[in-house]
Amino acid sequence: MSKPDPLYAFEKLSEAVYELATGAGRMQERLVKAAIYIIRIRLVDIPDEDLRRMFVAIKDDLSFDEPKGKEGRIAATLQETADADASEIARRILELHDRLG
């Protein structure tokens, strides 16, 4: 098993934040694109227990719904997510990025 890599986690969170800030579309669509980077992060790459809990909660919020068709779990979840909730998930991603950095 490879060693924990907090710099990798920070890099992927940076890419996710960039998608959220510069991507086109509604927040839900930008979260789908940001999630591509977030799902690559291993829990072991986040060194702090509080930040790990925050990370797990974000991943849960991005993927709790079952797909109804051919879309993935994240897309299915975010299709049903209200604008205010999507913005809160994005805020927490930014907070995790800032705290990890």
PDB file of N, CA and C in Angstrom:
ATOM      1  N   MET A   1       0.844  -1.182   0.000  1.00  0.00           N
ATOM      2  CA  MET A   1       0.000   0.000   0.000  1.00  0.00           C
ATOM      3  C   MET A   1       0.886   1.241   0.000  1.00  0.00           C
ATOM      4  N   SER A   2       0.498   2.219  -0.748  1.00  0.00           N
ATOM      5  CA  SER A   2       1.302   3.440  -0.832  1.00  0.00           C
ATOM      6  C   SER A   2       1.125   4.302   0.419  1.00  0.00           C
ATOM      7  N   LYS A   3       2.069   5.184   0.610  1.00  0.00           N
ATOM      8  CA  LYS A   3       2.080   6.070   1.781  1.00  0.00           C
ATOM      9  C   LYS A   3       1.013   7.152   1.652  1.00  0.00           C
ATOM     10  N   PRO A   4       0.575   7.700   2.778  1.00  0.00           N
ATOM     11  CA  PRO A   4      -0.333   8.848   2.733  1.00  0.00           C
ATOM     12  C   PRO A   4       0.316  10.012   1.985  1.00  0.00           C
ATOM     13  N   ASP A   5      -0.487  10.742   1.245  1.00  0.00           N
ATOM     14  CA  ASP A   5       0.037  11.851   0.442  1.00  0.00           C
ATOM     15  C   ASP A   5      -0.857  13.076   0.570  1.00  0.00           C
ATOM     16  N   PRO A   6      -0.663  13.870   1.638  1.00  0.00           N
ATOM     17  CA  PRO A   6      -1.493  15.059   1.841  1.00  0.00           C
ATOM     18  C   PRO A   6      -1.371  16.068   0.697  1.00  0.00           C
ATOM     19  N   LEU A   7      -0.224  16.128   0.039  1.00  0.00           N
ATOM     20  CA  LEU A   7      -0.070  17.056  -1.088  1.00  0.00           C
ATOM     21  C   LEU A   7      -0.955  16.648  -2.261  1.00  0.00           C
ATOM     22  N   TYR A   8      -1.105  15.357  -2.475  1.00  0.00           N
ATOM     23  CA  TYR A   8      -2.002  14.868  -3.524  1.00  0.00           C
ATOM     24  C   TYR A   8      -3.442  15.265  -3.208  1.00  0.00           C
ATOM     25  N   ALA A   9      -3.845  15.076  -1.957  1.00  0.00           N
ATOM     26  CA  ALA A   9      -5.198  15.455  -1.545  1.00  0.00           C
ATOM     27  C   ALA A   9      -5.416  16.953  -1.758  1.00  0.00           C
ATOM     28  N   PHE A  10      -4.437  17.751  -1.390  1.00  0.00           N
ATOM     29  CA  PHE A  10      -4.552  19.197  -1.569  1.00  0.00           C
ATOM     30  C   PHE A  10      -4.636  19.558  -3.058  1.00  0.00           C
ATOM     31  N   GLU A  11      -3.837  18.886  -3.881  1.00  0.00           N
ATOM     32  CA  GLU A  11      -3.873  19.139  -5.329  1.00  0.00           C
ATOM     33  C   GLU A  11      -5.256  18.826  -5.902  1.00  0.00           C
ATOM     34  N   LYS A  12      -5.826  17.696  -5.534  1.00  0.00           N
ATOM     35  CA  LYS A  12      -7.147  17.313  -6.047  1.00  0.00           C
ATOM     36  C   LYS A  12      -8.228  18.258  -5.531  1.00  0.00           C
ATOM     37  N   LEU A  13      -8.115  18.675  -4.280  1.00  0.00           N
ATOM     38  CA  LEU A  13      -9.076  19.656  -3.768  1.00  0.00           C
ATOM     39  C   LEU A  13      -8.923  20.992  -4.479  1.00  0.00           C
ATOM     40  N   SER A  14      -7.700  21.371  -4.809  1.00  0.00           N
ATOM     41  CA  SER A  14      -7.471  22.615  -5.560  1.00  0.00           C
ATOM     42  C   SER A  14      -8.142  22.542  -6.928  1.00  0.00           C
ATOM     43  N   GLU A  15      -8.033  21.395  -7.583  1.00  0.00           N
ATOM     44  CA  GLU A  15      -8.687  21.227  -8.890  1.00  0.00           C
ATOM     45  C   GLU A  15     -10.202  21.263  -8.754  1.00  0.00           C
ATOM     46  N   ALA A  16     -10.717  20.685  -7.684  1.00  0.00           N
ATOM     47  CA  ALA A  16     -12.160  20.719  -7.435  1.00  0.00           C
ATOM     48  C   ALA A  16     -12.639  22.152  -7.207  1.00  0.00           C
ATOM     49  N   VAL A  17     -11.901  22.909  -6.399  1.00  0.00           N
ATOM     50  CA  VAL A  17     -12.261  24.302  -6.124  1.00  0.00           C
ATOM     51  C   VAL A  17     -12.209  25.117  -7.413  1.00  0.00           C
ATOM     52  N   TYR A  18     -11.233  24.862  -8.258  1.00  0.00           N
ATOM     53  CA  TYR A  18     -11.131  25.563  -9.539  1.00  0.00           C
ATOM     54  C   TYR A  18     -12.372  25.286 -10.391  1.00  0.00           C
ATOM     55  N   GLU A  19     -12.808  24.042 -10.437  1.00  0.00           N
ATOM     56  CA  GLU A  19     -14.029  23.696 -11.186  1.00  0.00           C
ATOM     57  C   GLU A  19     -15.235  24.440 -10.629  1.00  0.00           C
ATOM     58  N   LEU A  20     -15.323  24.498  -9.305  1.00  0.00           N
ATOM     59  CA  LEU A  20     -16.454  25.185  -8.685  1.00  0.00           C
ATOM     60  C   LEU A  20     -16.453  26.669  -9.010  1.00  0.00           C
ATOM     61  N   ALA A  21     -15.266  27.263  -9.043  1.00  0.00           N
ATOM     62  CA  ALA A  21     -15.154  28.706  -9.258  1.00  0.00           C
ATOM     63  C   ALA A  21     -15.272  29.101 -10.720  1.00  0.00           C
ATOM     64  N   THR A  22     -14.802  28.277 -11.623  1.00  0.00           N
ATOM     65  CA  THR A  22     -14.714  28.693 -13.028  1.00  0.00           C
ATOM     66  C   THR A  22     -15.597  27.896 -13.975  1.00  0.00           C
ATOM     67  N   GLY A  23     -16.141  26.795 -13.518  1.00  0.00           N
ATOM     68  CA  GLY A  23     -16.948  25.952 -14.394  1.00  0.00           C
ATOM     69  C   GLY A  23     -18.244  26.621 -14.808  1.00  0.00           C
ATOM     70  N   ALA A  24     -18.776  26.146 -15.909  1.00  0.00           N
ATOM     71  CA  ALA A  24     -20.045  26.667 -16.419  1.00  0.00           C
ATOM     72  C   ALA A  24     -21.203  25.870 -15.818  1.00  0.00           C
ATOM     73  N   GLY A  25     -22.361  26.481 -15.791  1.00  0.00           N
ATOM     74  CA  GLY A  25     -23.559  25.779 -15.356  1.00  0.00           C
ATOM     75  C   GLY A  25     -23.930  26.063 -13.910  1.00  0.00           C
ATOM     76  N   ARG A  26     -24.999  25.399 -13.517  1.00  0.00           N
ATOM     77  CA  ARG A  26     -25.489  25.531 -12.146  1.00  0.00           C
ATOM     78  C   ARG A  26     -24.492  24.907 -11.179  1.00  0.00           C
ATOM     79  N   MET A  27     -24.623  25.243  -9.925  1.00  0.00           N
ATOM     80  CA  MET A  27     -23.724  24.707  -8.909  1.00  0.00           C
ATOM     81  C   MET A  27     -23.746  23.187  -8.917  1.00  0.00           C
ATOM     82  N   GLN A  28     -24.899  22.588  -9.114  1.00  0.00           N
ATOM     83  CA  GLN A  28     -24.990  21.139  -9.128  1.00  0.00           C
ATOM     84  C   GLN A  28     -24.113  20.550 -10.240  1.00  0.00           C
ATOM     85  N   GLU A  29     -24.118  21.161 -11.402  1.00  0.00           N
ATOM     86  CA  GLU A  29     -23.297  20.692 -12.525  1.00  0.00           C
ATOM     87  C   GLU A  29     -21.808  20.862 -12.226  1.00  0.00           C
ATOM     88  N   ARG A  30     -21.471  21.971 -11.596  1.00  0.00           N
ATOM     89  CA  ARG A  30     -20.064  22.202 -11.238  1.00  0.00           C
ATOM     90  C   ARG A  30     -19.608  21.235 -10.148  1.00  0.00           C
ATOM     91  N   LEU A  31     -20.520  20.871  -9.251  1.00  0.00           N
ATOM     92  CA  LEU A  31     -20.180  19.889  -8.216  1.00  0.00           C
ATOM     93  C   LEU A  31     -19.911  18.512  -8.823  1.00  0.00           C
ATOM     94  N   VAL A  32     -20.662  18.146  -9.854  1.00  0.00           N
ATOM     95  CA  VAL A  32     -20.406  16.866 -10.528  1.00  0.00           C
ATOM     96  C   VAL A  32     -18.978  16.858 -11.070  1.00  0.00           C
ATOM     97  N   LYS A  33     -18.572  17.960 -11.694  1.00  0.00           N
ATOM     98  CA  LYS A  33     -17.211  18.041 -12.246  1.00  0.00           C
ATOM     99  C   LYS A  33     -16.165  18.076 -11.133  1.00  0.00           C
ATOM    100  N   ALA A  34     -16.451  18.777 -10.053  1.00  0.00           N
ATOM    101  CA  ALA A  34     -15.518  18.831  -8.921  1.00  0.00           C
ATOM    102  C   ALA A  34     -15.387  17.458  -8.270  1.00  0.00           C
ATOM    103  N   ALA A  35     -16.468  16.703  -8.257  1.00  0.00           N
ATOM    104  CA  ALA A  35     -16.453  15.384  -7.620  1.00  0.00           C
ATOM    105  C   ALA A  35     -15.487  14.428  -8.312  1.00  0.00           C
ATOM    106  N   ILE A  36     -15.228  14.645  -9.584  1.00  0.00           N
ATOM    107  CA  ILE A  36     -14.267  13.809 -10.310  1.00  0.00           C
ATOM    108  C   ILE A  36     -12.910  13.848  -9.624  1.00  0.00           C
ATOM    109  N   TYR A  37     -12.549  14.994  -9.089  1.00  0.00           N
ATOM    110  CA  TYR A  37     -11.272  15.134  -8.381  1.00  0.00           C
ATOM    111  C   TYR A  37     -11.385  14.636  -6.943  1.00  0.00           C
ATOM    112  N   ILE A  38     -12.507  14.901  -6.314  1.00  0.00           N
ATOM    113  CA  ILE A  38     -12.688  14.545  -4.910  1.00  0.00           C
ATOM    114  C   ILE A  38     -12.669  13.031  -4.717  1.00  0.00           C
ATOM    115  N   ILE A  39     -13.282  12.289  -5.624  1.00  0.00           N
ATOM    116  CA  ILE A  39     -13.348  10.831  -5.440  1.00  0.00           C
ATOM    117  C   ILE A  39     -11.984  10.169  -5.595  1.00  0.00           C
ATOM    118  N   ARG A  40     -11.019  10.872  -6.125  1.00  0.00           N
ATOM    119  CA  ARG A  40      -9.664  10.313  -6.266  1.00  0.00           C
ATOM    120  C   ARG A  40      -8.855  10.386  -4.968  1.00  0.00           C
ATOM    121  N   ILE A  41      -9.335  11.143  -4.021  1.00  0.00           N
ATOM    122  CA  ILE A  41      -8.616  11.321  -2.761  1.00  0.00           C
ATOM    123  C   ILE A  41      -8.893  10.132  -1.853  1.00  0.00           C
ATOM    124  N   ARG A  42      -7.838   9.572  -1.303  1.00  0.00           N
ATOM    125  CA  ARG A  42      -7.978   8.487  -0.335  1.00  0.00           C
ATOM    126  C   ARG A  42      -8.093   9.094   1.066  1.00  0.00           C
ATOM    127  N   LEU A  43      -8.857   8.460   1.900  1.00  0.00           N
ATOM    128  CA  LEU A  43      -9.032   8.943   3.270  1.00  0.00           C
ATOM    129  C   LEU A  43      -7.693   9.055   3.984  1.00  0.00           C
ATOM    130  N   VAL A  44      -6.795   8.130   3.724  1.00  0.00           N
ATOM    131  CA  VAL A  44      -5.490   8.125   4.377  1.00  0.00           C
ATOM    132  C   VAL A  44      -4.640   9.342   3.975  1.00  0.00           C
ATOM    133  N   ASP A  45      -4.969   9.974   2.836  1.00  0.00           N
ATOM    134  CA  ASP A  45      -4.209  11.141   2.374  1.00  0.00           C
ATOM    135  C   ASP A  45      -4.543  12.406   3.158  1.00  0.00           C
ATOM    136  N   ILE A  46      -5.557  12.347   3.984  1.00  0.00           N
ATOM    137  CA  ILE A  46      -5.937  13.499   4.803  1.00  0.00           C
ATOM    138  C   ILE A  46      -5.445  13.225   6.226  1.00  0.00           C
ATOM    139  N   PRO A  47      -4.483  14.017   6.700  1.00  0.00           N
ATOM    140  CA  PRO A  47      -3.773  13.684   7.932  1.00  0.00           C
ATOM    141  C   PRO A  47      -4.534  13.926   9.237  1.00  0.00           C
ATOM    142  N   ASP A  48      -5.480  14.807   9.235  1.00  0.00           N
ATOM    143  CA  ASP A  48      -6.157  15.216  10.464  1.00  0.00           C
ATOM    144  C   ASP A  48      -7.515  14.526  10.586  1.00  0.00           C
ATOM    145  N   GLU A  49      -7.821  14.012  11.768  1.00  0.00           N
ATOM    146  CA  GLU A  49      -9.073  13.282  11.990  1.00  0.00           C
ATOM    147  C   GLU A  49     -10.308  14.159  11.731  1.00  0.00           C
ATOM    148  N   ASP A  50     -10.302  15.405  12.181  1.00  0.00           N
ATOM    149  CA  ASP A  50     -11.445  16.296  11.934  1.00  0.00           C
ATOM    150  C   ASP A  50     -11.639  16.541  10.437  1.00  0.00           C
ATOM    151  N   LEU A  51     -10.549  16.723   9.722  1.00  0.00           N
ATOM    152  CA  LEU A  51     -10.643  16.944   8.281  1.00  0.00           C
ATOM    153  C   LEU A  51     -11.108  15.677   7.560  1.00  0.00           C
ATOM    154  N   ARG A  52     -10.712  14.520   8.086  1.00  0.00           N
ATOM    155  CA  ARG A  52     -11.191  13.256   7.500  1.00  0.00           C
ATOM    156  C   ARG A  52     -12.707  13.141   7.642  1.00  0.00           C
ATOM    157  N   ARG A  53     -13.211  13.510   8.819  1.00  0.00           N
ATOM    158  CA  ARG A  53     -14.674  13.473   9.022  1.00  0.00           C
ATOM    159  C   ARG A  53     -15.378  14.435   8.069  1.00  0.00           C
ATOM    160  N   MET A  54     -14.793  15.619   7.887  1.00  0.00           N
ATOM    161  CA  MET A  54     -15.370  16.596   6.961  1.00  0.00           C
ATOM    162  C   MET A  54     -15.380  16.030   5.535  1.00  0.00           C
ATOM    163  N   PHE A  55     -14.277  15.401   5.154  1.00  0.00           N
ATOM    164  CA  PHE A  55     -14.155  14.808   3.825  1.00  0.00           C
ATOM    165  C   PHE A  55     -15.206  13.710   3.609  1.00  0.00           C
ATOM    166  N   VAL A  56     -15.363  12.832   4.575  1.00  0.00           N
ATOM    167  CA  VAL A  56     -16.353  11.748   4.476  1.00  0.00           C
ATOM    168  C   VAL A  56     -17.761  12.329   4.348  1.00  0.00           C
ATOM    169  N   ALA A  57     -18.055  13.363   5.112  1.00  0.00           N
ATOM    170  CA  ALA A  57     -19.382  13.992   5.052  1.00  0.00           C
ATOM    171  C   ALA A  57     -19.637  14.610   3.682  1.00  0.00           C
ATOM    172  N   ILE A  58     -18.626  15.236   3.105  1.00  0.00           N
ATOM    173  CA  ILE A  58     -18.766  15.821   1.764  1.00  0.00           C
ATOM    174  C   ILE A  58     -19.039  14.716   0.749  1.00  0.00           C
ATOM    175  N   LYS A  59     -18.253  13.650   0.800  1.00  0.00           N
ATOM    176  CA  LYS A  59     -18.459  12.536  -0.142  1.00  0.00           C
ATOM    177  C   LYS A  59     -19.848  11.927   0.028  1.00  0.00           C
ATOM    178  N   ASP A  60     -20.315  11.811   1.260  1.00  0.00           N
ATOM    179  CA  ASP A  60     -21.669  11.292   1.506  1.00  0.00           C
ATOM    180  C   ASP A  60     -22.724  12.209   0.901  1.00  0.00           C
ATOM    181  N   ASP A  61     -22.545  13.516   1.074  1.00  0.00           N
ATOM    182  CA  ASP A  61     -23.508  14.477   0.524  1.00  0.00           C
ATOM    183  C   ASP A  61     -23.511  14.489  -1.004  1.00  0.00           C
ATOM    184  N   LEU A  62     -22.405  14.111  -1.611  1.00  0.00           N
ATOM    185  CA  LEU A  62     -22.316  14.077  -3.077  1.00  0.00           C
ATOM    186  C   LEU A  62     -22.887  12.793  -3.677  1.00  0.00           C
ATOM    187  N   SER A  63     -23.116  11.781  -2.850  1.00  0.00           N
ATOM    188  CA  SER A  63     -23.435  10.480  -3.461  1.00  0.00           C
ATOM    189  C   SER A  63     -24.424   9.629  -2.672  1.00  0.00           C
ATOM    190  N   PHE A  64     -25.382  10.239  -2.002  1.00  0.00           N
ATOM    191  CA  PHE A  64     -26.294   9.445  -1.179  1.00  0.00           C
ATOM    192  C   PHE A  64     -27.455   8.851  -1.959  1.00  0.00           C
ATOM    193  N   ASP A  65     -27.784   9.381  -3.123  1.00  0.00           N
ATOM    194  CA  ASP A  65     -28.961   8.943  -3.861  1.00  0.00           C
ATOM    195  C   ASP A  65     -28.619   7.814  -4.826  1.00  0.00           C
ATOM    196  N   GLU A  66     -29.550   6.893  -5.001  1.00  0.00           N
ATOM    197  CA  GLU A  66     -29.376   5.801  -5.962  1.00  0.00           C
ATOM    198  C   GLU A  66     -29.692   6.307  -7.369  1.00  0.00           C
ATOM    199  N   PRO A  67     -28.898   5.898  -8.356  1.00  0.00           N
ATOM    200  CA  PRO A  67     -29.198   6.292  -9.745  1.00  0.00           C
ATOM    201  C   PRO A  67     -30.535   5.712 -10.192  1.00  0.00           C
ATOM    202  N   LYS A  68     -31.273   6.487 -10.971  1.00  0.00           N
ATOM    203  CA  LYS A  68     -32.559   6.041 -11.494  1.00  0.00           C
ATOM    204  C   LYS A  68     -32.426   5.551 -12.932  1.00  0.00           C
ATOM    205  N   GLY A  69     -31.349   5.945 -13.583  1.00  0.00           N
ATOM    206  CA  GLY A  69     -31.099   5.551 -14.960  1.00  0.00           C
ATOM    207  C   GLY A  69     -29.642   5.197 -15.124  1.00  0.00           C
ATOM    208  N   LYS A  70     -29.058   5.684 -16.211  1.00  0.00           N
ATOM    209  CA  LYS A  70     -27.659   5.377 -16.499  1.00  0.00           C
ATOM    210  C   LYS A  70     -26.687   6.365 -15.879  1.00  0.00           C
ATOM    211  N   GLU A  71     -27.188   7.437 -15.290  1.00  0.00           N
ATOM    212  CA  GLU A  71     -26.304   8.404 -14.638  1.00  0.00           C
ATOM    213  C   GLU A  71     -25.664   7.751 -13.419  1.00  0.00           C
ATOM    214  N   GLY A  72     -24.556   8.274 -13.003  1.00  0.00           N
ATOM    215  CA  GLY A  72     -23.877   7.764 -11.817  1.00  0.00           C
ATOM    216  C   GLY A  72     -24.541   8.251 -10.542  1.00  0.00           C
ATOM    217  N   ARG A  73     -24.072   7.724  -9.448  1.00  0.00           N
ATOM    218  CA  ARG A  73     -24.626   8.059  -8.132  1.00  0.00           C
ATOM    219  C   ARG A  73     -24.502   9.556  -7.835  1.00  0.00           C
ATOM    220  N   ILE A  74     -23.363  10.157  -8.172  1.00  0.00           N
ATOM    221  CA  ILE A  74     -23.162  11.586  -7.884  1.00  0.00           C
ATOM    222  C   ILE A  74     -24.121  12.439  -8.705  1.00  0.00           C
ATOM    223  N   ALA A  75     -24.223  12.144  -9.998  1.00  0.00           N
ATOM    224  CA  ALA A  75     -25.142  12.905 -10.847  1.00  0.00           C
ATOM    225  C   ALA A  75     -26.580  12.745 -10.371  1.00  0.00           C
ATOM    226  N   ALA A  76     -26.963  11.528  -9.985  1.00  0.00           N
ATOM    227  CA  ALA A  76     -28.324  11.291  -9.488  1.00  0.00           C
ATOM    228  C   ALA A  76     -28.595  12.107  -8.228  1.00  0.00           C
ATOM    229  N   THR A  77     -27.619  12.116  -7.332  1.00  0.00           N
ATOM    230  CA  THR A  77     -27.777  12.871  -6.083  1.00  0.00           C
ATOM    231  C   THR A  77     -27.920  14.360  -6.359  1.00  0.00           C
ATOM    232  N   LEU A  78     -27.035  14.896  -7.188  1.00  0.00           N
ATOM    233  CA  LEU A  78     -27.013  16.344  -7.388  1.00  0.00           C
ATOM    234  C   LEU A  78     -28.178  16.840  -8.241  1.00  0.00           C
ATOM    235  N   GLN A  79     -28.796  15.976  -9.033  1.00  0.00           N
ATOM    236  CA  GLN A  79     -29.997  16.372  -9.766  1.00  0.00           C
ATOM    237  C   GLN A  79     -31.130  16.711  -8.808  1.00  0.00           C
ATOM    238  N   GLU A  80     -31.128  16.075  -7.655  1.00  0.00           N
ATOM    239  CA  GLU A  80     -32.183  16.275  -6.664  1.00  0.00           C
ATOM    240  C   GLU A  80     -31.798  17.264  -5.567  1.00  0.00           C
ATOM    241  N   THR A  81     -30.594  17.801  -5.626  1.00  0.00           N
ATOM    242  CA  THR A  81     -30.103  18.689  -4.575  1.00  0.00           C
ATOM    243  C   THR A  81     -30.549  20.126  -4.834  1.00  0.00           C
ATOM    244  N   ALA A  82     -31.105  20.760  -3.825  1.00  0.00           N
ATOM    245  CA  ALA A  82     -31.543  22.157  -3.929  1.00  0.00           C
ATOM    246  C   ALA A  82     -30.338  23.078  -4.093  1.00  0.00           C
ATOM    247  N   ASP A  83     -30.579  24.245  -4.684  1.00  0.00           N
ATOM    248  CA  ASP A  83     -29.502  25.211  -4.910  1.00  0.00           C
ATOM    249  C   ASP A  83     -28.774  25.575  -3.621  1.00  0.00           C
ATOM    250  N   ALA A  84     -29.521  25.844  -2.562  1.00  0.00           N
ATOM    251  CA  ALA A  84     -28.896  26.230  -1.290  1.00  0.00           C
ATOM    252  C   ALA A  84     -28.039  25.100  -0.731  1.00  0.00           C
ATOM    253  N   ASP A  85     -28.507  23.866  -0.854  1.00  0.00           N
ATOM    254  CA  ASP A  85     -27.732  22.721  -0.372  1.00  0.00           C
ATOM    255  C   ASP A  85     -26.474  22.516  -1.212  1.00  0.00           C
ATOM    256  N   ALA A  86     -26.590  22.697  -2.523  1.00  0.00           N
ATOM    257  CA  ALA A  86     -25.424  22.564  -3.405  1.00  0.00           C
ATOM    258  C   ALA A  86     -24.378  23.620  -3.054  1.00  0.00           C
ATOM    259  N   SER A  87     -24.826  24.827  -2.800  1.00  0.00           N
ATOM    260  CA  SER A  87     -23.897  25.895  -2.417  1.00  0.00           C
ATOM    261  C   SER A  87     -23.210  25.581  -1.093  1.00  0.00           C
ATOM    262  N   GLU A  88     -23.929  24.974  -0.169  1.00  0.00           N
ATOM    263  CA  GLU A  88     -23.339  24.603   1.125  1.00  0.00           C
ATOM    264  C   GLU A  88     -22.288  23.505   0.953  1.00  0.00           C
ATOM    265  N   ILE A  89     -22.540  22.543   0.090  1.00  0.00           N
ATOM    266  CA  ILE A  89     -21.534  21.509  -0.184  1.00  0.00           C
ATOM    267  C   ILE A  89     -20.284  22.156  -0.772  1.00  0.00           C
ATOM    268  N   ALA A  90     -20.473  23.058  -1.717  1.00  0.00           N
ATOM    269  CA  ALA A  90     -19.326  23.754  -2.331  1.00  0.00           C
ATOM    270  C   ALA A  90     -18.552  24.552  -1.285  1.00  0.00           C
ATOM    271  N   ARG A  91     -19.262  25.196  -0.379  1.00  0.00           N
ATOM    272  CA  ARG A  91     -18.597  25.965   0.681  1.00  0.00           C
ATOM    273  C   ARG A  91     -17.745  25.052   1.553  1.00  0.00           C
ATOM    274  N   ARG A  92     -18.274  23.870   1.877  1.00  0.00           N
ATOM    275  CA  ARG A  92     -17.523  22.929   2.705  1.00  0.00           C
ATOM    276  C   ARG A  92     -16.309  22.367   1.970  1.00  0.00           C
ATOM    277  N   ILE A  93     -16.411  22.183   0.654  1.00  0.00           N
ATOM    278  CA  ILE A  93     -15.247  21.758  -0.132  1.00  0.00           C
ATOM    279  C   ILE A  93     -14.166  22.832  -0.049  1.00  0.00           C
ATOM    280  N   LEU A  94     -14.556  24.077  -0.211  1.00  0.00           N
ATOM    281  CA  LEU A  94     -13.608  25.187  -0.101  1.00  0.00           C
ATOM    282  C   LEU A  94     -12.986  25.241   1.298  1.00  0.00           C
ATOM    283  N   GLU A  95     -13.793  25.048   2.321  1.00  0.00           N
ATOM    284  CA  GLU A  95     -13.279  25.070   3.693  1.00  0.00           C
ATOM    285  C   GLU A  95     -12.277  23.939   3.916  1.00  0.00           C
ATOM    286  N   LEU A  96     -12.603  22.745   3.420  1.00  0.00           N
ATOM    287  CA  LEU A  96     -11.673  21.612   3.554  1.00  0.00           C
ATOM    288  C   LEU A  96     -10.368  21.915   2.828  1.00  0.00           C
ATOM    289  N   HIS A  97     -10.465  22.472   1.650  1.00  0.00           N
ATOM    290  CA  HIS A  97      -9.267  22.868   0.882  1.00  0.00           C
ATOM    291  C   HIS A  97      -8.424  23.846   1.675  1.00  0.00           C
ATOM    292  N   ASP A  98      -9.058  24.872   2.199  1.00  0.00           N
ATOM    293  CA  ASP A  98      -8.321  25.905   2.953  1.00  0.00           C
ATOM    294  C   ASP A  98      -7.691  25.345   4.220  1.00  0.00           C
ATOM    295  N   ARG A  99      -8.415  24.507   4.925  1.00  0.00           N
ATOM    296  CA  ARG A  99      -7.889  23.932   6.169  1.00  0.00           C
ATOM    297  C   ARG A  99      -6.772  22.926   5.902  1.00  0.00           C
ATOM    298  N   LEU A 100      -6.877  22.186   4.813  1.00  0.00           N
ATOM    299  CA  LEU A 100      -5.832  21.229   4.476  1.00  0.00           C
ATOM    300  C   LEU A 100      -4.564  21.934   4.020  1.00  0.00           C
ATOM    301  N   GLY A 101      -4.748  23.059   3.341  1.00  0.00           N
ATOM    302  CA  GLY A 101      -3.606  23.821   2.837  1.00  0.00           C
ATOM    303  C   GLY A 101      -2.892  24.539   3.927  1.00  0.00           C
TER     304      GLY A 101
END
